[in-house]
Protein backbone atom coordinates (compact mmCIF):
# COMPACT_ATOMS: atom_id res chain seq x y z
CA UNK A 1 0.05 0.00 0.04
CA UNK A 2 2.76 2.46 0.92
CA UNK A 3 4.64 1.58 -2.28
CA UNK A 4 1.48 2.36 -4.34
CA UNK A 5 1.43 5.77 -2.63
CA UNK A 6 5.08 6.45 -3.32
CA UNK A 7 4.48 5.51 -6.97
CA UNK A 8 1.60 7.90 -7.28
CA UNK A 9 3.48 10.68 -5.70
CA UNK A 10 6.50 10.01 -7.97
CA UNK A 11 4.14 10.10 -11.02
CA UNK A 12 2.48 13.32 -9.86
CA UNK A 13 5.89 14.84 -9.39
CA UNK A 14 7.10 13.71 -12.82
CA UNK A 15 3.92 15.36 -14.36
CA UNK A 16 4.54 18.67 -12.61
CA UNK A 17 8.32 18.75 -13.53
CA UNK A 18 7.36 17.86 -17.23
CA UNK A 19 4.63 20.56 -17.21
CA UNK A 20 7.07 23.12 -15.90
CA UNK A 21 9.66 22.27 -18.53
CA UNK A 22 6.96 22.35 -21.29
CA UNK A 23 5.71 25.66 -20.07
CA UNK A 24 9.28 27.11 -19.97
CA UNK A 25 9.93 25.82 -23.52
CA UNK A 26 6.73 27.18 -24.96
CA UNK A 27 7.38 30.40 -23.32
CA UNK A 28 10.94 30.74 -24.82
CA UNK A 29 9.60 29.70 -28.19
CA UNK A 30 7.21 32.56 -28.02
CA UNK A 31 9.82 35.08 -26.91
CA UNK A 32 12.07 33.89 -29.82
CA UNK A 33 9.30 34.34 -32.27
CA UNK A 34 8.62 37.82 -31.08
CA UNK A 35 12.32 38.78 -31.25
CA UNK A 36 12.66 37.36 -34.81
CA UNK A 37 9.59 39.44 -35.88
CA UNK A 38 11.11 42.51 -34.21
CA UNK A 39 14.43 41.85 -36.01
CA UNK A 40 12.74 41.39 -39.32
CA UNK A 41 10.86 44.78 -38.88
CA UNK A 42 14.27 46.47 -38.06
CA UNK A 43 16.09 44.79 -41.03
CA UNK A 44 13.24 45.22 -43.59
CA UNK A 45 13.97 48.89 -44.55
CA UNK A 46 17.60 48.12 -45.05
CA UNK A 47 16.88 45.13 -47.28
CA UNK A 48 14.41 47.20 -49.31
CA UNK A 49 17.08 49.87 -49.76
CA UNK A 50 19.78 47.37 -50.78
CA UNK A 51 17.29 45.84 -53.22
CA UNK A 52 16.52 49.10 -54.73
CA UNK A 53 20.27 50.03 -55.11
CA UNK A 54 20.99 46.75 -56.78
CA UNK A 55 18.12 47.32 -59.24
CA UNK A 56 19.53 50.75 -59.87
CA UNK A 57 22.90 49.46 -60.47
CA UNK A 58 21.59 46.80 -62.87
CA UNK A 59 19.70 49.29 -64.80
CA UNK A 60 22.85 51.52 -65.38
CA UNK A 61 24.68 48.68 -67.08
């Protein structure tokens, strides 16, 4: 009987730990996604400017 209680407690603790790890991973993935979107917004004007410069250089040839 005591062994059954121990195994139940171990199972519950394992689920709690796995849930905390999963929550942390999902939170980190969300933060990474937001950071990548912000970086893309920051770089987008530079990319467009470089493409426009490349297009002008190609038409001059």
